[in-house]
Amino acid sequence: MTAALNGSDFKSHPAAPMDGHASHELLIAILGGTPRLDGARCVGRPELFDPAAPDEAAADAADRHEAAVHLCRACPALAACRAWHDSLKPSQRPAGVIAARAPKPAARPGRPTRKEPA
């Protein structure tokens, strides 16, 4: 037997459905300050720019990111995209390839290697 829920039960639940006004306000808050990037070459190609998936081979992610960087370098919106990215605090920056900058590969596990003297 399931318990009956009333409308107030959903208001406190994080996955609760929102009315049109609430979802519009949420989108404004999330996207606030995001520039309009007319002609951006990344549009419709999220699979290239997304960060590496946990089960994705490092070489596969590097290949995708290399293709994304290549698209970015010829993008008419690169300067605006880079200015926006640079204006964000590091903790606010999206993951993945942004403004022709690929994420650094994760360090391999293990002990650090000793640097040899020059």
N, C-alpha and C. Protein backbone atom coordinates (compact mmCIF):
# COMPACT_ATOMS: atom_id res chain seq x y z
N MET A 1 0.83 -1.18 0.00
CA MET A 1 0.00 0.00 0.00
C MET A 1 0.87 1.24 0.00
N THR A 2 0.59 2.20 -0.84
CA THR A 2 1.35 3.43 -0.90
C THR A 2 0.60 4.55 -0.21
N ALA A 3 1.35 5.44 0.38
CA ALA A 3 0.74 6.58 1.07
C ALA A 3 0.36 7.64 0.05
N ALA A 4 -0.73 8.30 0.31
CA ALA A 4 -1.16 9.41 -0.57
C ALA A 4 -0.32 10.63 -0.25
N LEU A 5 0.09 11.34 -1.29
CA LEU A 5 0.88 12.55 -1.11
C LEU A 5 0.06 13.76 -1.53
N ASN A 6 0.26 14.83 -0.80
CA ASN A 6 -0.38 16.06 -1.23
C ASN A 6 0.65 16.99 -1.85
N GLY A 7 0.24 18.09 -2.42
CA GLY A 7 1.13 19.00 -3.12
C GLY A 7 2.26 19.53 -2.26
N SER A 8 2.03 19.73 -0.97
CA SER A 8 3.08 20.28 -0.12
C SER A 8 4.22 19.29 0.09
N ASP A 9 3.96 17.99 -0.07
CA ASP A 9 5.02 17.00 0.08
C ASP A 9 6.08 17.16 -1.00
N PHE A 10 5.71 17.62 -2.16
CA PHE A 10 6.65 17.75 -3.27
C PHE A 10 7.48 19.01 -3.20
N LYS A 11 7.02 20.03 -2.54
CA LYS A 11 7.73 21.30 -2.51
C LYS A 11 9.10 21.19 -1.86
N SER A 12 9.26 20.29 -0.91
CA SER A 12 10.54 20.15 -0.23
C SER A 12 11.42 19.09 -0.86
N HIS A 13 10.91 18.34 -1.80
CA HIS A 13 11.68 17.28 -2.44
C HIS A 13 12.52 17.88 -3.55
N PRO A 14 13.85 17.57 -3.60
CA PRO A 14 14.72 18.19 -4.61
C PRO A 14 14.36 17.85 -6.05
N ALA A 15 13.71 16.73 -6.29
CA ALA A 15 13.35 16.35 -7.65
C ALA A 15 11.89 16.68 -7.96
N ALA A 16 11.31 17.54 -7.15
CA ALA A 16 9.90 17.87 -7.33
C ALA A 16 9.67 18.60 -8.63
N PRO A 17 8.55 18.33 -9.29
CA PRO A 17 8.24 19.07 -10.51
C PRO A 17 8.00 20.54 -10.19
N MET A 18 8.34 21.41 -11.14
CA MET A 18 8.17 22.84 -10.93
C MET A 18 7.14 23.38 -11.90
N ASP A 19 6.53 24.47 -11.50
CA ASP A 19 5.64 25.13 -12.44
C ASP A 19 6.51 25.90 -13.43
N GLY A 20 5.90 26.43 -14.48
CA GLY A 20 6.64 27.13 -15.52
C GLY A 20 7.46 28.30 -15.00
N HIS A 21 6.89 29.07 -14.08
CA HIS A 21 7.61 30.24 -13.56
C HIS A 21 8.84 29.82 -12.77
N ALA A 22 8.69 28.80 -11.90
CA ALA A 22 9.81 28.35 -11.08
C ALA A 22 10.94 27.79 -11.95
N SER A 23 10.61 27.02 -12.98
CA SER A 23 11.68 26.48 -13.82
C SER A 23 12.34 27.58 -14.64
N HIS A 24 11.57 28.58 -15.03
CA HIS A 24 12.15 29.73 -15.75
C HIS A 24 13.13 30.47 -14.84
N GLU A 25 12.74 30.70 -13.60
CA GLU A 25 13.62 31.38 -12.64
C GLU A 25 14.88 30.57 -12.36
N LEU A 26 14.75 29.25 -12.27
CA LEU A 26 15.90 28.39 -12.04
C LEU A 26 16.88 28.48 -13.21
N LEU A 27 16.38 28.43 -14.43
CA LEU A 27 17.24 28.55 -15.60
C LEU A 27 17.96 29.90 -15.63
N ILE A 28 17.27 30.96 -15.29
CA ILE A 28 17.90 32.29 -15.25
C ILE A 28 19.03 32.30 -14.24
N ALA A 29 18.80 31.70 -13.07
CA ALA A 29 19.84 31.65 -12.04
C ALA A 29 21.04 30.84 -12.49
N ILE A 30 20.78 29.70 -13.15
CA ILE A 30 21.88 28.84 -13.60
C ILE A 30 22.67 29.50 -14.73
N LEU A 31 21.98 30.09 -15.67
CA LEU A 31 22.63 30.63 -16.86
C LEU A 31 23.00 32.11 -16.75
N GLY A 32 22.70 32.72 -15.63
CA GLY A 32 23.01 34.13 -15.45
C GLY A 32 24.48 34.42 -15.71
N GLY A 33 24.76 35.40 -16.50
CA GLY A 33 26.13 35.77 -16.81
C GLY A 33 26.76 34.98 -17.94
N THR A 34 26.07 33.99 -18.45
CA THR A 34 26.59 33.22 -19.58
C THR A 34 26.41 34.05 -20.85
N PRO A 35 27.48 34.27 -21.59
CA PRO A 35 27.36 35.12 -22.78
C PRO A 35 26.65 34.42 -23.92
N ARG A 36 26.17 35.20 -24.82
CA ARG A 36 25.59 34.67 -26.05
C ARG A 36 26.77 34.38 -26.98
N LEU A 37 26.90 33.18 -27.44
CA LEU A 37 28.05 32.79 -28.27
C LEU A 37 27.57 32.43 -29.68
N ASP A 38 27.18 33.46 -30.41
CA ASP A 38 26.68 33.26 -31.77
C ASP A 38 27.72 32.57 -32.64
N GLY A 39 27.29 31.55 -33.36
CA GLY A 39 28.17 30.84 -34.28
C GLY A 39 29.11 29.86 -33.62
N ALA A 40 28.92 29.59 -32.33
CA ALA A 40 29.83 28.68 -31.62
C ALA A 40 29.82 27.30 -32.27
N ARG A 41 30.99 26.76 -32.52
CA ARG A 41 31.11 25.47 -33.19
C ARG A 41 30.82 24.28 -32.29
N CYS A 42 30.72 24.52 -30.99
CA CYS A 42 30.44 23.44 -30.06
C CYS A 42 28.96 23.09 -30.02
N VAL A 43 28.11 23.94 -30.55
CA VAL A 43 26.67 23.71 -30.50
C VAL A 43 26.33 22.39 -31.20
N GLY A 44 25.62 21.55 -30.49
CA GLY A 44 25.20 20.26 -31.04
C GLY A 44 26.28 19.19 -31.01
N ARG A 45 27.41 19.46 -30.38
CA ARG A 45 28.51 18.49 -30.33
C ARG A 45 28.98 18.21 -28.90
N PRO A 46 28.09 18.08 -27.95
CA PRO A 46 28.53 17.93 -26.55
C PRO A 46 29.41 16.70 -26.32
N GLU A 47 29.24 15.67 -27.15
CA GLU A 47 30.01 14.45 -26.93
C GLU A 47 31.51 14.68 -27.06
N LEU A 48 31.92 15.69 -27.81
CA LEU A 48 33.36 15.98 -27.94
C LEU A 48 33.89 16.76 -26.75
N PHE A 49 33.06 17.60 -26.17
CA PHE A 49 33.51 18.56 -25.17
C PHE A 49 33.34 18.09 -23.73
N ASP A 50 32.50 17.08 -23.53
CA ASP A 50 32.24 16.58 -22.17
C ASP A 50 33.49 16.01 -21.54
N PRO A 51 33.57 16.07 -20.20
CA PRO A 51 34.72 15.45 -19.53
C PRO A 51 34.72 13.94 -19.75
N ALA A 52 35.84 13.33 -19.48
CA ALA A 52 35.96 11.88 -19.64
C ALA A 52 34.99 11.17 -18.71
N ALA A 53 34.35 10.15 -19.24
CA ALA A 53 33.46 9.32 -18.44
C ALA A 53 34.30 8.40 -17.56
N PRO A 54 33.78 8.00 -16.41
CA PRO A 54 34.56 7.13 -15.51
C PRO A 54 35.03 5.84 -16.18
N ASP A 55 34.24 5.31 -17.11
CA ASP A 55 34.61 4.05 -17.75
C ASP A 55 35.25 4.25 -19.13
N GLU A 56 35.62 5.48 -19.46
CA GLU A 56 36.20 5.78 -20.77
C GLU A 56 37.72 5.68 -20.71
N ALA A 57 38.30 5.06 -21.71
CA ALA A 57 39.75 4.96 -21.79
C ALA A 57 40.36 6.36 -21.94
N ALA A 58 41.46 6.59 -21.29
CA ALA A 58 42.11 7.89 -21.32
C ALA A 58 42.45 8.31 -22.76
N ALA A 59 42.88 7.36 -23.57
CA ALA A 59 43.23 7.69 -24.96
C ALA A 59 42.00 8.12 -25.76
N ASP A 60 40.85 7.49 -25.49
CA ASP A 60 39.61 7.87 -26.18
C ASP A 60 39.19 9.28 -25.79
N ALA A 61 39.26 9.59 -24.50
CA ALA A 61 38.91 10.94 -24.03
C ALA A 61 39.87 11.96 -24.63
N ALA A 62 41.15 11.63 -24.68
CA ALA A 62 42.14 12.56 -25.24
C ALA A 62 41.86 12.81 -26.72
N ASP A 63 41.47 11.79 -27.46
CA ASP A 63 41.14 11.96 -28.88
C ASP A 63 39.93 12.87 -29.06
N ARG A 64 38.89 12.65 -28.24
CA ARG A 64 37.70 13.50 -28.31
C ARG A 64 38.05 14.94 -28.00
N HIS A 65 38.82 15.13 -26.94
CA HIS A 65 39.19 16.47 -26.52
C HIS A 65 40.07 17.17 -27.55
N GLU A 66 40.94 16.42 -28.22
CA GLU A 66 41.76 17.00 -29.27
C GLU A 66 40.88 17.50 -30.42
N ALA A 67 39.87 16.72 -30.78
CA ALA A 67 38.94 17.16 -31.83
C ALA A 67 38.17 18.40 -31.39
N ALA A 68 37.77 18.45 -30.12
CA ALA A 68 37.05 19.61 -29.60
C ALA A 68 37.93 20.86 -29.63
N VAL A 69 39.16 20.73 -29.21
CA VAL A 69 40.10 21.86 -29.22
C VAL A 69 40.29 22.36 -30.64
N HIS A 70 40.38 21.45 -31.59
CA HIS A 70 40.53 21.81 -33.00
C HIS A 70 39.34 22.66 -33.46
N LEU A 71 38.12 22.24 -33.10
CA LEU A 71 36.93 23.03 -33.44
C LEU A 71 36.97 24.40 -32.78
N CYS A 72 37.34 24.43 -31.52
CA CYS A 72 37.39 25.71 -30.78
C CYS A 72 38.34 26.71 -31.42
N ARG A 73 39.49 26.24 -31.83
CA ARG A 73 40.50 27.16 -32.36
C ARG A 73 40.03 27.90 -33.60
N ALA A 74 39.08 27.33 -34.34
CA ALA A 74 38.55 27.98 -35.54
C ALA A 74 37.17 28.58 -35.29
N CYS A 75 36.78 28.70 -34.03
CA CYS A 75 35.43 29.16 -33.68
C CYS A 75 35.35 30.68 -33.63
N PRO A 76 34.30 31.26 -34.24
CA PRO A 76 34.15 32.71 -34.20
C PRO A 76 33.81 33.23 -32.80
N ALA A 77 33.39 32.35 -31.90
CA ALA A 77 33.02 32.78 -30.55
C ALA A 77 34.14 32.53 -29.53
N LEU A 78 35.31 32.14 -29.99
CA LEU A 78 36.39 31.76 -29.07
C LEU A 78 36.76 32.88 -28.10
N ALA A 79 36.92 34.09 -28.56
CA ALA A 79 37.34 35.18 -27.68
C ALA A 79 36.30 35.43 -26.59
N ALA A 80 35.02 35.46 -26.95
CA ALA A 80 33.96 35.69 -25.95
C ALA A 80 33.88 34.51 -24.98
N CYS A 81 34.04 33.31 -25.49
CA CYS A 81 33.99 32.11 -24.66
C CYS A 81 35.15 32.12 -23.66
N ARG A 82 36.33 32.44 -24.13
CA ARG A 82 37.50 32.48 -23.25
C ARG A 82 37.37 33.57 -22.19
N ALA A 83 36.86 34.73 -22.59
CA ALA A 83 36.67 35.82 -21.62
C ALA A 83 35.68 35.40 -20.54
N TRP A 84 34.59 34.73 -20.94
CA TRP A 84 33.61 34.26 -19.96
C TRP A 84 34.24 33.22 -19.04
N HIS A 85 34.93 32.25 -19.61
CA HIS A 85 35.57 31.20 -18.81
C HIS A 85 36.55 31.80 -17.81
N ASP A 86 37.35 32.74 -18.27
CA ASP A 86 38.36 33.34 -17.40
C ASP A 86 37.74 34.21 -16.31
N SER A 87 36.51 34.68 -16.52
CA SER A 87 35.85 35.51 -15.51
C SER A 87 35.28 34.68 -14.36
N LEU A 88 35.19 33.37 -14.54
CA LEU A 88 34.64 32.50 -13.50
C LEU A 88 35.70 32.11 -12.49
N LYS A 89 35.28 31.88 -11.26
CA LYS A 89 36.18 31.32 -10.26
C LYS A 89 36.48 29.88 -10.70
N PRO A 90 37.66 29.36 -10.39
CA PRO A 90 37.97 27.98 -10.79
C PRO A 90 36.90 26.97 -10.35
N SER A 91 36.31 27.17 -9.21
CA SER A 91 35.29 26.23 -8.73
C SER A 91 33.99 26.32 -9.52
N GLN A 92 33.80 27.40 -10.29
CA GLN A 92 32.58 27.58 -11.07
C GLN A 92 32.74 27.15 -12.53
N ARG A 93 33.96 26.87 -12.94
CA ARG A 93 34.20 26.55 -14.35
C ARG A 93 33.67 25.17 -14.71
N PRO A 94 33.02 25.09 -15.86
CA PRO A 94 32.51 23.78 -16.29
C PRO A 94 33.66 22.82 -16.59
N ALA A 95 33.38 21.55 -16.44
CA ALA A 95 34.37 20.53 -16.75
C ALA A 95 34.36 20.26 -18.25
N GLY A 96 35.41 19.67 -18.74
CA GLY A 96 35.49 19.34 -20.16
C GLY A 96 36.27 20.40 -20.92
N VAL A 97 36.18 20.35 -22.24
CA VAL A 97 36.89 21.31 -23.09
C VAL A 97 36.07 22.60 -23.15
N ILE A 98 36.70 23.69 -22.80
CA ILE A 98 36.07 25.01 -22.84
C ILE A 98 37.11 25.98 -23.40
N ALA A 99 36.71 26.76 -24.39
CA ALA A 99 37.56 27.82 -24.95
C ALA A 99 38.91 27.28 -25.43
N ALA A 100 38.89 26.14 -26.10
CA ALA A 100 40.08 25.49 -26.65
C ALA A 100 41.06 25.03 -25.58
N ARG A 101 40.57 24.85 -24.38
CA ARG A 101 41.41 24.36 -23.28
C ARG A 101 40.90 22.99 -22.85
N ALA A 102 41.73 22.00 -23.02
CA ALA A 102 41.36 20.63 -22.64
C ALA A 102 41.71 20.40 -21.18
N PRO A 103 40.92 19.58 -20.50
CA PRO A 103 41.26 19.26 -19.10
C PRO A 103 42.56 18.49 -19.04
N LYS A 104 43.27 18.68 -17.95
CA LYS A 104 44.51 17.93 -17.77
C LYS A 104 44.16 16.49 -17.44
N PRO A 105 44.90 15.54 -18.02
CA PRO A 105 44.61 14.14 -17.70
C PRO A 105 44.85 13.87 -16.22
N ALA A 106 44.07 12.98 -15.68
CA ALA A 106 44.23 12.61 -14.27
C ALA A 106 45.59 11.98 -14.06
N ALA A 107 46.18 12.28 -12.93
CA ALA A 107 47.49 11.69 -12.61
C ALA A 107 47.32 10.19 -12.42
N ARG A 108 48.32 9.47 -12.85
CA ARG A 108 48.27 8.02 -12.66
C ARG A 108 48.52 7.72 -11.19
N PRO A 109 47.84 6.71 -10.67
CA PRO A 109 48.04 6.38 -9.26
C PRO A 109 49.44 5.82 -9.04
N GLY A 110 49.91 5.96 -7.85
CA GLY A 110 51.22 5.44 -7.50
C GLY A 110 52.06 6.50 -6.82
N ARG A 111 53.24 6.13 -6.50
CA ARG A 111 54.13 7.05 -5.82
C ARG A 111 54.71 8.04 -6.81
N PRO A 112 54.95 9.27 -6.37
CA PRO A 112 55.57 10.24 -7.27
C PRO A 112 56.98 9.79 -7.63
N THR A 113 57.38 10.14 -8.84
CA THR A 113 58.73 9.78 -9.27
C THR A 113 59.70 10.85 -8.81
N ARG A 114 60.91 10.43 -8.56
CA ARG A 114 61.95 11.36 -8.13
C ARG A 114 62.51 12.04 -9.36
N LYS A 115 62.59 13.37 -9.31
CA LYS A 115 63.13 14.12 -10.44
C LYS A 115 64.65 13.97 -10.44
N GLU A 116 65.17 13.72 -11.64
CA GLU A 116 66.61 13.58 -11.79
C GLU A 116 67.25 14.96 -11.86
N PRO A 117 68.42 15.16 -11.23
CA PRO A 117 69.10 16.46 -11.34
C PRO A 117 69.58 16.69 -12.77
N ALA A 118 69.55 17.96 -13.18
CA ALA A 118 69.93 18.30 -14.55
C ALA A 118 71.40 18.24 -14.79
